[in-house]
Amino acid sequence: MIWSLVKILIFVTVVAGLALGAGYLDDTGAGVRISIANMEYSLGPVQMVIAALLAVLGLWLLMKVIGLLVAVLRFINGDETALSRYFDRNRERKGFQALADSMMSVASGEGKLALSQATKAERLLGRPELTTLLTAQAAELSGDTKRATEAYKRLLADDRTRFVGVRGLMKQKLAEGDTGTALKLAEKAFALKPRHQDVQDALLKLQADSGDWKGARKVLDAKHRQGLLPREVYKRRDAVLALQEAKEIFSDEAPIEAREAAIAANKQSPDLIPGAVLAARGYIQTGQAKYATRVLRKAWEARPHPDLAAAFAAIAPNETPGERLKRFDKFLSANPGHEESKLLRAELLIAAEDFPGARRALGDLAESHPTARSLTIMAAIARGEGQDDAVVRGWLTRALTASRGPQWICDSCQNIQSEWAPTCDNCGGFDTLSWREAPNAAAPMPNGTDMLPLIVGKPEPVAPPVEEDASDVVEAEVAADDMSILDDEVGQRR
């Protein structure tokens, strides 16, 4: 309110001042006489003021025209001017519009339109750190891999975009199946940005696939130090990698180094069954049966597994069935109520020809949880007790359609593998195999988990357990009228 009043007062004052000035000039009567080329002009006071104003305006217009001409000349010469800035702003506005349209097209899956708009934005903006990446993405979306590769390579020239270019090329090589080149690019990307989680995961998988266990352990350690992996998960996965590293060394006939790496893996994760087995084999090679027993017993206490029993049997391969049964008593006492302990004790008693004891040890497993292994054990018990062939054949017939029991199964894709490995053969998942029973798994049991090695053969002290499909053996047993195979097994002990 006060400011409005002040403005009104100022306006009235200015008008009054101009009116007084004009009246004063008119009262003086003095004027200006101008003579040009024998022509004389007389101007009154008011006319003189108007002429002065017109002269100033004309001079201002002249300066503007001269400035415009100079600007046009500089524009033609390539210098920065107001005119060039006007066109630059117009070009920039159109370029950012094309960039936005290209991004929207990429998001909506319109590859060709996105590539066209990205090309337009690249021409108008001159900002390769923005447009080149968008060009690569649009080219990939439209299926133009060659152009996408060229765009990613251009990104390598700028420090700000080098990582994006390397990662883009890495993903392309992965899509093409060129894992060797992808591994090198992943290592470069990891060196540029070691905290990038996607690059860490890709590099870890590529290193595991290529057998670079040492490098994979370094990446895993980086993930742990950055807080991307819980401590327990890190210890488990590092043990898996250490185990594979030990296996590779073992295959090159360097048992000392293999033993040390296997023992380190077992200490990291004692329940890792292959690690415990390999560590025990290393101890057995050096005559340290006490340490091998300790490793295997601790692993059996955490998670019973047939491979652990086979490794424990390899500690004393020349013992009699009675001696073996006595030695296994302490071993089985580490986890007596587990199903695997019951099955193993029944197998050992069959080897010692104590068939009633084997039946008691097995309990009701054949009825409460019938598997191919438990049913085959029942067939051996029935044969050893001298029961009718029809009874034995009945147990074996049931074994043909029973569950296969626990196996190495991928938690991600449910793929079943005969042997443990750090990665799934089907989906490539790392540390996804677990020893469990597959749902609705009706198939003959694998030879690696049946009783026959403990009954009729002496396990080798250092050789790894061999996995074979026993379907042909079981079918032959069912088809044979005289049941000769089981007769031989039991007859050898009699």
Protein backbone atom coordinates (compact mmCIF):
# COMPACT_ATOMS: atom_id res chain seq x y z
CA MET A 1 0.00 0.00 0.00
CA ILE A 2 2.76 2.46 0.97
CA TRP A 3 4.89 1.43 -2.03
CA SER A 4 1.98 2.08 -4.39
CA LEU A 5 1.54 5.54 -2.87
CA VAL A 6 5.27 6.25 -3.27
CA LYS A 7 5.16 5.23 -6.96
CA ILE A 8 2.20 7.52 -7.60
CA LEU A 9 4.00 10.45 -5.95
CA ILE A 10 7.14 9.82 -8.02
CA PHE A 11 5.11 9.69 -11.24
CA VAL A 12 3.31 12.94 -10.43
CA THR A 13 6.65 14.59 -9.56
CA VAL A 14 8.26 13.56 -12.85
CA VAL A 15 5.27 14.78 -14.92
CA ALA A 16 5.25 18.06 -13.05
CA GLY A 17 8.99 18.50 -13.59
CA LEU A 18 8.67 17.88 -17.31
CA ALA A 19 5.79 20.31 -17.57
CA LEU A 20 7.73 23.01 -15.72
CA GLY A 21 10.79 22.41 -17.90
CA ALA A 22 8.77 22.66 -21.11
CA GLY A 23 7.08 25.86 -19.85
CA TYR A 24 10.44 27.36 -18.94
CA LEU A 25 11.86 26.61 -22.39
CA ASP A 26 8.83 28.08 -24.07
CA ASP A 27 9.03 31.27 -21.98
CA THR A 28 12.68 31.89 -22.84
CA GLY A 29 11.85 32.31 -26.54
CA ALA A 30 15.42 31.41 -27.44
CA GLY A 31 16.00 28.90 -30.20
CA VAL A 32 18.58 27.28 -32.41
CA ARG A 33 19.38 28.30 -35.97
CA ILE A 34 20.97 25.67 -38.24
CA SER A 35 22.42 26.52 -41.67
CA ILE A 36 23.06 23.70 -44.16
CA ALA A 37 23.91 24.34 -47.90
CA ASN A 38 22.41 27.82 -48.10
CA MET A 39 19.42 26.51 -46.17
CA GLU A 40 18.65 27.91 -42.76
CA TYR A 41 16.51 26.15 -40.14
CA SER A 42 15.23 27.81 -36.99
CA LEU A 43 14.14 25.56 -34.09
CA GLY A 44 12.36 26.61 -31.00
CA PRO A 45 13.27 25.27 -27.58
CA VAL A 46 10.83 22.37 -27.68
CA GLN A 47 11.71 21.55 -31.25
CA MET A 48 15.37 21.59 -30.32
CA VAL A 49 14.81 18.99 -27.56
CA ILE A 50 12.82 16.75 -29.94
CA ALA A 51 15.53 17.01 -32.57
CA ALA A 52 18.18 16.05 -30.03
CA LEU A 53 16.19 13.00 -29.01
CA LEU A 54 15.74 11.96 -32.63
CA ALA A 55 19.46 12.39 -33.25
CA VAL A 56 20.31 10.14 -30.27
CA LEU A 57 17.81 7.54 -31.50
CA GLY A 58 19.27 7.62 -34.99
CA LEU A 59 22.79 7.20 -33.66
CA TRP A 60 21.65 4.24 -31.55
CA LEU A 61 20.02 2.59 -34.57
CA LEU A 62 23.14 3.14 -36.62
CA MET A 63 25.30 1.47 -33.98
CA LYS A 64 22.91 -1.49 -33.88
CA VAL A 65 23.02 -1.90 -37.65
CA ILE A 66 26.81 -1.76 -37.61
CA GLY A 67 26.89 -4.33 -34.77
CA LEU A 68 24.56 -6.61 -36.73
CA LEU A 69 26.79 -6.42 -39.78
CA VAL A 70 29.85 -7.19 -37.70
CA ALA A 71 28.05 -10.12 -36.05
CA VAL A 72 27.05 -11.55 -39.43
CA LEU A 73 30.64 -11.29 -40.62
CA ARG A 74 31.91 -13.01 -37.44
CA PHE A 75 29.20 -15.67 -37.76
CA ILE A 76 30.31 -16.37 -41.31
CA ASN A 77 33.88 -16.53 -40.07
CA GLY A 78 32.93 -19.12 -37.44
CA ASP A 79 33.34 -16.95 -34.35
CA GLU A 80 30.94 -17.16 -31.40
CA THR A 81 28.31 -14.47 -31.61
CA ALA A 82 24.83 -13.79 -30.38
CA LEU A 83 23.56 -15.18 -33.66
CA SER A 84 25.59 -18.38 -33.30
CA ARG A 85 24.48 -18.72 -29.70
CA TYR A 86 20.88 -18.48 -30.83
CA PHE A 87 21.33 -21.31 -33.31
CA ASP A 88 23.29 -23.32 -30.72
CA ARG A 89 20.49 -23.02 -28.20
CA ASN A 90 17.97 -24.06 -30.81
CA ARG A 91 20.13 -27.05 -31.84
CA GLU A 92 20.65 -28.04 -28.19
CA ARG A 93 16.94 -27.88 -27.50
CA LYS A 94 16.22 -30.16 -30.46
CA GLY A 95 19.07 -32.48 -29.46
CA PHE A 96 17.84 -32.95 -25.90
CA GLN A 97 14.36 -33.55 -27.22
CA ALA A 98 15.71 -36.27 -29.53
CA LEU A 99 17.70 -37.70 -26.59
CA ALA A 100 14.58 -37.87 -24.43
CA ASP A 101 12.60 -39.48 -27.26
CA SER A 102 15.35 -42.07 -27.75
CA MET A 103 15.39 -42.93 -24.05
CA MET A 104 11.63 -43.37 -24.04
CA SER A 105 11.87 -45.59 -27.11
CA VAL A 106 14.52 -47.76 -25.44
CA ALA A 107 12.32 -48.10 -22.37
CA SER A 108 9.34 -49.08 -24.51
CA GLY A 109 11.33 -51.56 -26.61
CA GLU A 110 11.17 -49.68 -29.93
CA GLY A 111 14.70 -50.36 -31.12
CA LYS A 112 14.68 -48.79 -34.56
CA LEU A 113 13.00 -45.58 -33.42
CA ALA A 114 15.38 -45.37 -30.48
CA LEU A 115 18.38 -45.76 -32.78
CA SER A 116 17.07 -43.08 -35.16
CA GLN A 117 16.49 -40.60 -32.34
CA ALA A 118 19.86 -41.42 -30.76
CA THR A 119 21.59 -40.72 -34.08
CA LYS A 120 19.77 -37.40 -34.32
CA ALA A 121 20.71 -36.49 -30.75
CA GLU A 122 24.33 -37.41 -31.43
CA ARG A 123 24.40 -35.10 -34.47
CA LEU A 124 22.77 -32.17 -32.69
CA LEU A 125 24.33 -32.32 -29.21
CA GLY A 126 27.93 -33.34 -29.66
CA ARG A 127 27.86 -35.02 -26.20
CA PRO A 128 29.33 -38.51 -26.82
CA GLU A 129 29.25 -39.45 -23.13
CA LEU A 130 25.45 -39.27 -23.38
CA THR A 131 24.57 -40.15 -26.93
CA THR A 132 27.11 -42.92 -27.64
CA LEU A 133 25.87 -45.06 -24.77
CA LEU A 134 22.28 -44.53 -25.87
CA THR A 135 23.26 -45.41 -29.44
CA ALA A 136 24.81 -48.67 -28.22
CA GLN A 137 21.73 -49.60 -26.21
CA ALA A 138 19.40 -48.74 -29.06
CA ALA A 139 21.54 -50.72 -31.53
CA GLU A 140 21.47 -53.76 -29.23
CA LEU A 141 17.71 -53.44 -28.90
CA SER A 142 17.27 -53.32 -32.65
CA GLY A 143 19.63 -56.24 -33.22
CA ASP A 144 22.46 -54.23 -34.80
CA THR A 145 25.31 -55.78 -32.78
CA LYS A 146 28.00 -54.42 -35.08
CA ARG A 147 26.95 -50.84 -34.51
CA ALA A 148 26.58 -51.47 -30.79
CA THR A 149 30.13 -52.82 -30.66
CA GLU A 150 31.44 -49.75 -32.47
CA ALA A 151 29.63 -47.50 -30.01
CA TYR A 152 31.04 -49.34 -26.99
CA LYS A 153 34.54 -49.10 -28.45
CA ARG A 154 34.15 -45.33 -28.82
CA LEU A 155 33.29 -45.15 -25.12
CA LEU A 156 36.71 -46.63 -24.29
CA ALA A 157 38.43 -43.43 -25.40
CA ASP A 158 36.97 -41.35 -22.54
CA ASP A 159 37.96 -41.94 -18.92
CA ARG A 160 34.43 -41.09 -17.83
CA THR A 161 32.85 -43.77 -20.01
CA ARG A 162 35.60 -46.41 -20.22
CA PHE A 163 33.99 -48.68 -17.61
CA VAL A 164 30.63 -48.53 -19.38
CA GLY A 165 32.31 -49.47 -22.67
CA VAL A 166 34.21 -52.39 -21.15
CA ARG A 167 31.12 -53.72 -19.39
CA GLY A 168 29.04 -53.38 -22.56
CA LEU A 169 31.60 -55.32 -24.60
CA MET A 170 31.79 -57.94 -21.84
CA LYS A 171 28.04 -58.51 -21.95
CA GLN A 172 28.18 -58.80 -25.73
CA LYS A 173 30.89 -61.45 -25.57
CA LEU A 174 28.90 -63.35 -22.97
CA ALA A 175 25.87 -63.30 -25.24
CA GLU A 176 28.03 -64.58 -28.12
CA GLY A 177 29.48 -67.35 -25.96
CA ASP A 178 33.04 -66.02 -26.18
CA THR A 179 33.83 -66.63 -22.51
CA GLY A 180 37.59 -66.25 -22.97
CA THR A 181 37.33 -62.66 -24.17
CA ALA A 182 34.51 -61.98 -21.70
CA LEU A 183 36.78 -63.10 -18.85
CA LYS A 184 39.51 -60.64 -19.87
CA LEU A 185 36.98 -57.82 -20.18
CA ALA A 186 35.46 -58.72 -16.80
CA GLU A 187 38.92 -58.55 -15.20
CA LYS A 188 39.44 -55.11 -16.77
CA ALA A 189 36.03 -53.91 -15.58
CA PHE A 190 36.77 -55.22 -12.09
CA ALA A 191 40.06 -53.30 -12.07
CA LEU A 192 38.23 -50.11 -13.03
CA LYS A 193 35.39 -50.54 -10.53
CA PRO A 194 36.12 -53.27 -7.98
CA ARG A 195 32.97 -52.45 -5.99
CA HIS A 196 30.55 -53.04 -8.87
CA GLN A 197 28.44 -56.02 -7.78
CA ASP A 198 27.29 -57.18 -11.25
CA VAL A 199 30.87 -57.19 -12.51
CA GLN A 200 31.99 -59.11 -9.42
CA ASP A 201 29.32 -61.77 -9.96
CA ALA A 202 30.09 -62.08 -13.68
CA LEU A 203 33.83 -62.33 -13.07
CA LEU A 204 33.36 -64.89 -10.29
CA LYS A 205 31.24 -67.10 -12.55
CA LEU A 206 33.65 -66.82 -15.48
CA GLN A 207 36.62 -67.64 -13.28
CA ALA A 208 34.81 -70.63 -11.80
CA ASP A 209 33.89 -71.87 -15.28
CA SER A 210 37.47 -71.51 -16.49
CA GLY A 211 38.99 -73.10 -13.37
CA ASP A 212 40.71 -69.96 -12.12
CA TRP A 213 40.01 -70.78 -8.49
CA LYS A 214 42.73 -68.53 -7.12
CA GLY A 215 41.36 -65.50 -8.94
CA ALA A 216 37.82 -66.40 -7.91
CA ARG A 217 38.87 -66.46 -4.26
CA LYS A 218 40.29 -62.93 -4.61
CA VAL A 219 36.99 -61.66 -6.04
CA LEU A 220 35.07 -63.45 -3.30
CA ASP A 221 37.31 -61.85 -0.69
CA ALA A 222 36.64 -58.42 -2.22
CA LYS A 223 32.88 -59.02 -2.00
CA HIS A 224 33.24 -60.01 1.66
CA ARG A 225 35.37 -56.98 2.57
CA GLN A 226 32.83 -54.69 0.94
CA GLY A 227 30.03 -56.17 3.04
CA LEU A 228 28.25 -57.80 0.08
CA LEU A 229 28.42 -61.32 1.55
CA PRO A 230 27.55 -62.53 5.06
CA ARG A 231 30.50 -64.06 6.87
CA GLU A 232 29.05 -67.58 6.93
CA VAL A 233 28.28 -67.52 3.21
CA TYR A 234 31.75 -66.19 2.48
CA LYS A 235 33.41 -68.94 4.52
CA ARG A 236 31.36 -71.62 2.80
CA ARG A 237 32.03 -70.36 -0.72
CA ASP A 238 35.70 -69.74 -0.04
CA ALA A 239 35.93 -73.32 1.17
CA VAL A 240 34.29 -74.49 -2.06
CA LEU A 241 36.86 -72.58 -4.12
CA ALA A 242 39.73 -73.78 -1.95
CA LEU A 243 38.53 -77.34 -2.43
CA GLN A 244 38.49 -77.00 -6.20
CA GLU A 245 41.93 -75.41 -6.10
CA ALA A 246 43.11 -78.41 -4.11
CA LYS A 247 41.57 -80.85 -6.60
CA GLU A 248 43.36 -79.15 -9.48
CA ILE A 249 46.66 -79.39 -7.64
CA PHE A 250 45.94 -83.00 -6.78
CA SER A 251 45.36 -83.85 -10.41
CA ASP A 252 48.83 -82.53 -11.20
CA GLU A 253 50.36 -85.04 -8.75
CA ALA A 254 51.32 -82.53 -6.10
CA PRO A 255 49.79 -84.23 -3.02
CA ILE A 256 51.48 -82.05 -0.39
CA GLU A 257 50.02 -78.83 -1.73
CA ALA A 258 46.68 -80.56 -2.37
CA ARG A 259 46.57 -81.83 1.19
CA GLU A 260 47.27 -78.38 2.62
CA ALA A 261 44.61 -76.71 0.46
CA ALA A 262 42.06 -79.43 1.20
CA ILE A 263 42.68 -79.14 4.93
CA ALA A 264 42.29 -75.35 4.70
CA ALA A 265 38.99 -75.85 2.88
CA ASN A 266 37.80 -78.29 5.52
CA LYS A 267 38.67 -75.89 8.34
CA GLN A 268 36.73 -73.13 6.62
CA SER A 269 33.62 -75.28 6.32
CA PRO A 270 33.83 -78.66 8.11
CA ASP A 271 30.44 -79.79 6.78
CA LEU A 272 31.63 -79.46 3.15
CA ILE A 273 31.67 -83.17 2.34
CA PRO A 274 34.09 -83.16 -0.65
CA GLY A 275 36.50 -80.99 1.35
CA ALA A 276 36.48 -83.41 4.27
CA VAL A 277 37.00 -86.38 1.94
CA LEU A 278 39.90 -84.74 0.13
CA ALA A 279 41.50 -83.63 3.39
CA ALA A 280 41.21 -87.15 4.77
CA ARG A 281 42.79 -88.61 1.63
CA GLY A 282 45.68 -86.21 2.08
CA TYR A 283 46.20 -87.38 5.65
CA ILE A 284 45.93 -91.03 4.60
CA GLN A 285 48.67 -90.52 2.02
CA THR A 286 51.03 -89.28 4.70
CA GLY A 287 50.11 -92.00 7.17
CA GLN A 288 48.24 -89.68 9.53
CA ALA A 289 45.21 -91.92 10.10
CA LYS A 290 44.39 -90.22 13.39
CA TYR A 291 43.91 -86.85 11.71
CA ALA A 292 41.93 -88.40 8.84
CA THR A 293 39.61 -90.05 11.36
CA ARG A 294 39.10 -86.76 13.20
CA VAL A 295 38.25 -84.88 10.01
CA LEU A 296 35.80 -87.53 8.78
CA ARG A 297 34.13 -87.99 12.16
CA LYS A 298 33.56 -84.24 12.51
CA ALA A 299 32.06 -84.09 9.02
CA TRP A 300 29.89 -87.16 9.74
CA GLU A 301 28.61 -85.51 12.90
CA ALA A 302 27.58 -82.44 10.87
CA ARG A 303 26.22 -84.22 7.78
CA PRO A 304 26.51 -88.00 7.19
CA HIS A 305 27.30 -88.96 3.63
CA PRO A 306 28.34 -92.21 1.86
CA ASP A 307 31.55 -90.62 0.55
CA LEU A 308 32.64 -89.98 4.14
CA ALA A 309 32.08 -93.65 4.97
CA ALA A 310 34.05 -94.74 1.90
CA ALA A 311 36.94 -92.47 2.90
CA PHE A 312 36.84 -93.83 6.46
CA ALA A 313 36.92 -97.40 5.12
CA ALA A 314 39.98 -96.47 3.04
CA ILE A 315 41.96 -95.76 6.22
CA ALA A 316 42.28 -99.54 6.82
CA PRO A 317 41.53 -101.26 3.49
CA ASN A 318 42.78 -104.73 4.51
CA GLU A 319 40.73 -105.25 7.66
CA THR A 320 38.24 -108.09 8.07
CA PRO A 321 34.47 -107.42 8.15
CA GLY A 322 34.47 -107.89 11.92
CA GLU A 323 37.36 -105.49 12.40
CA ARG A 324 35.71 -102.98 10.12
CA LEU A 325 32.43 -103.20 12.03
CA LYS A 326 34.24 -102.62 15.31
CA ARG A 327 36.19 -99.65 13.94
CA PHE A 328 33.04 -98.11 12.46
CA ASP A 329 31.21 -98.27 15.81
CA LYS A 330 32.93 -95.13 17.11
CA PHE A 331 32.53 -93.44 13.75
CA LEU A 332 28.77 -94.08 13.60
CA SER A 333 28.32 -92.97 17.20
CA ALA A 334 28.96 -89.38 16.07
CA ASN A 335 25.44 -89.32 14.57
CA PRO A 336 23.70 -92.61 15.48
CA GLY A 337 20.11 -91.60 14.76
CA HIS A 338 20.66 -90.42 11.22
CA GLU A 339 19.24 -92.52 8.38
CA GLU A 340 22.65 -92.80 6.72
CA SER A 341 24.13 -94.23 9.94
CA LYS A 342 21.42 -96.90 10.08
CA LEU A 343 21.93 -97.87 6.45
CA LEU A 344 25.70 -98.03 6.81
CA ARG A 345 25.52 -100.13 9.99
CA ALA A 346 23.15 -102.56 8.25
CA GLU A 347 25.57 -102.87 5.32
CA LEU A 348 28.49 -103.58 7.67
CA LEU A 349 26.50 -106.23 9.53
CA ILE A 350 25.57 -107.89 6.23
CA ALA A 351 29.29 -107.97 5.35
CA ALA A 352 29.88 -109.65 8.74
CA GLU A 353 27.03 -112.10 7.96
CA ASP A 354 24.99 -110.88 10.94
CA PHE A 355 21.68 -110.71 9.08
CA PRO A 356 19.36 -110.45 12.13
CA GLY A 357 21.55 -107.65 13.43
CA ALA A 358 21.37 -105.94 10.04
CA ARG A 359 17.57 -106.14 10.15
CA ARG A 360 17.54 -104.60 13.64
CA ALA A 361 19.97 -101.86 12.59
CA LEU A 362 17.83 -100.98 9.59
CA GLY A 363 14.68 -100.80 11.70
CA ASP A 364 11.56 -99.73 9.84
CA LEU A 365 13.36 -97.63 7.19
CA ALA A 366 12.21 -99.94 4.41
CA GLU A 367 8.61 -99.12 5.32
CA SER A 368 8.76 -95.59 6.74
CA HIS A 369 11.14 -94.24 4.09
CA PRO A 370 11.59 -96.79 1.31
CA THR A 371 14.47 -95.98 -1.01
CA ALA A 372 16.28 -98.06 -3.61
CA ARG A 373 19.15 -98.48 -1.20
CA SER A 374 17.14 -99.55 1.86
CA LEU A 375 15.04 -101.97 -0.19
CA THR A 376 18.13 -103.52 -1.76
CA ILE A 377 19.58 -104.00 1.73
CA MET A 378 16.37 -105.76 2.73
CA ALA A 379 16.75 -108.03 -0.30
CA ALA A 380 20.31 -108.90 0.78
CA ILE A 381 19.10 -109.60 4.35
CA ALA A 382 16.31 -111.85 3.04
CA ARG A 383 18.79 -113.74 0.86
CA GLY A 384 21.23 -114.10 3.74
CA GLU A 385 18.52 -115.45 6.02
CA GLY A 386 17.63 -118.06 3.42
CA GLN A 387 14.16 -116.76 2.62
CA ASP A 388 12.31 -117.73 -0.52
CA ASP A 389 13.46 -116.23 -3.83
CA ALA A 390 10.03 -114.67 -4.30
CA VAL A 391 10.57 -112.59 -1.16
CA VAL A 392 13.98 -111.41 -2.38
CA ARG A 393 12.59 -110.67 -5.82
CA GLY A 394 9.75 -108.69 -4.23
CA TRP A 395 12.18 -106.41 -2.42
CA LEU A 396 14.22 -105.85 -5.58
CA THR A 397 11.11 -105.16 -7.63
CA ARG A 398 10.09 -102.47 -5.17
CA ALA A 399 13.60 -101.02 -5.37
CA LEU A 400 13.17 -100.44 -9.10
CA THR A 401 10.41 -97.89 -8.57
CA ALA A 402 11.46 -96.49 -5.19
CA SER A 403 13.01 -93.10 -4.54
CA ARG A 404 16.65 -92.86 -5.39
CA GLY A 405 17.37 -91.24 -2.03
CA PRO A 406 19.61 -88.21 -1.44
CA GLN A 407 21.55 -86.90 -4.42
CA TRP A 408 23.44 -83.77 -5.40
CA ILE A 409 20.64 -81.45 -6.53
CA CYS A 410 20.86 -77.82 -7.65
CA ASP A 411 18.79 -75.52 -5.46
CA SER A 412 18.19 -73.16 -8.40
CA CYS A 413 17.18 -75.38 -11.32
CA GLN A 414 16.69 -78.76 -9.54
CA ASN A 415 19.24 -80.41 -11.82
CA ILE A 416 20.58 -83.73 -10.49
CA GLN A 417 24.32 -84.43 -10.73
CA SER A 418 26.15 -87.65 -10.00
CA GLU A 419 29.12 -85.82 -8.47
CA TRP A 420 29.52 -82.63 -6.48
CA ALA A 421 30.89 -79.60 -8.30
CA PRO A 422 31.19 -75.91 -7.37
CA THR A 423 28.86 -74.92 -10.20
CA CYS A 424 25.72 -76.51 -11.58
CA ASP A 425 26.21 -78.19 -14.96
CA ASN A 426 22.79 -77.02 -16.07
CA CYS A 427 22.30 -73.42 -14.91
CA GLY A 428 25.87 -72.52 -13.94
CA GLY A 429 24.85 -71.49 -10.42
CA PHE A 430 27.74 -71.23 -7.98
CA ASP A 431 27.57 -73.26 -4.75
CA THR A 432 23.98 -74.32 -5.40
CA LEU A 433 24.36 -78.12 -5.05
CA SER A 434 23.01 -79.69 -1.89
CA TRP A 435 22.74 -83.32 -0.79
CA ARG A 436 19.03 -84.00 -0.53
CA GLU A 437 16.28 -86.19 -1.87
CA ALA A 438 14.57 -85.10 -5.06
CA PRO A 439 10.77 -84.91 -4.96
CA ASN A 440 9.10 -87.82 -6.75
CA ALA A 441 12.49 -89.32 -7.59
CA ALA A 442 11.68 -92.90 -8.58
CA ALA A 443 14.86 -94.33 -10.07
CA PRO A 444 17.48 -96.98 -9.27
CA MET A 445 20.12 -95.91 -6.80
CA PRO A 446 23.60 -94.93 -7.93
CA ASN A 447 26.39 -97.41 -7.28
CA GLY A 448 28.25 -94.76 -5.29
CA THR A 449 25.67 -94.95 -2.49
CA ASP A 450 24.86 -98.68 -2.34
CA MET A 451 26.22 -101.34 -0.06
CA LEU A 452 28.18 -103.47 -2.55
CA PRO A 453 31.66 -101.87 -2.12
CA LEU A 454 31.56 -102.51 1.62
CA ILE A 455 30.25 -106.08 1.23
CA VAL A 456 32.20 -107.66 -1.63
CA GLY A 457 35.14 -105.34 -2.26
CA LYS A 458 37.91 -103.48 -0.51
CA PRO A 459 37.93 -99.72 -1.28
CA GLU A 460 41.11 -98.24 -2.62
CA PRO A 461 42.92 -96.02 -0.10
CA VAL A 462 43.24 -92.95 -2.32
CA ALA A 463 41.03 -93.50 -5.35
CA PRO A 464 37.90 -91.30 -5.47
CA PRO A 465 34.52 -93.03 -5.35
CA VAL A 466 33.25 -93.99 -8.81
CA GLU A 467 29.63 -93.16 -9.64
CA GLU A 468 27.85 -95.61 -11.96
CA ASP A 469 24.27 -96.22 -12.82
CA ALA A 470 23.07 -99.49 -11.19
CA SER A 471 19.83 -99.82 -13.17
CA ASP A 472 21.25 -102.59 -15.36
CA VAL A 473 22.49 -104.51 -12.30
CA VAL A 474 19.15 -104.30 -10.50
CA GLU A 475 17.21 -105.29 -13.62
CA ALA A 476 19.50 -108.25 -14.10
CA GLU A 477 18.93 -109.30 -10.49
CA VAL A 478 15.17 -109.15 -10.95
CA ALA A 479 15.26 -111.01 -14.24
CA ALA A 480 17.62 -113.79 -13.07
CA ASP A 481 15.71 -116.90 -11.97
CA ASP A 482 18.40 -118.24 -9.68
CA MET A 483 19.32 -114.82 -8.12
CA SER A 484 22.98 -115.68 -8.67
CA ILE A 485 24.37 -112.24 -7.89
CA LEU A 486 23.08 -112.02 -4.34
CA ASP A 487 23.94 -115.67 -3.78
CA ASP A 488 27.56 -114.90 -4.61
CA GLU A 489 27.62 -111.88 -2.29
CA VAL A 490 26.36 -113.82 0.69
CA GLY A 491 28.11 -117.06 -0.22
CA GLN A 492 31.51 -115.42 -0.15
CA ARG A 493 30.99 -114.60 3.51
CA ARG A 494 29.84 -118.09 4.38
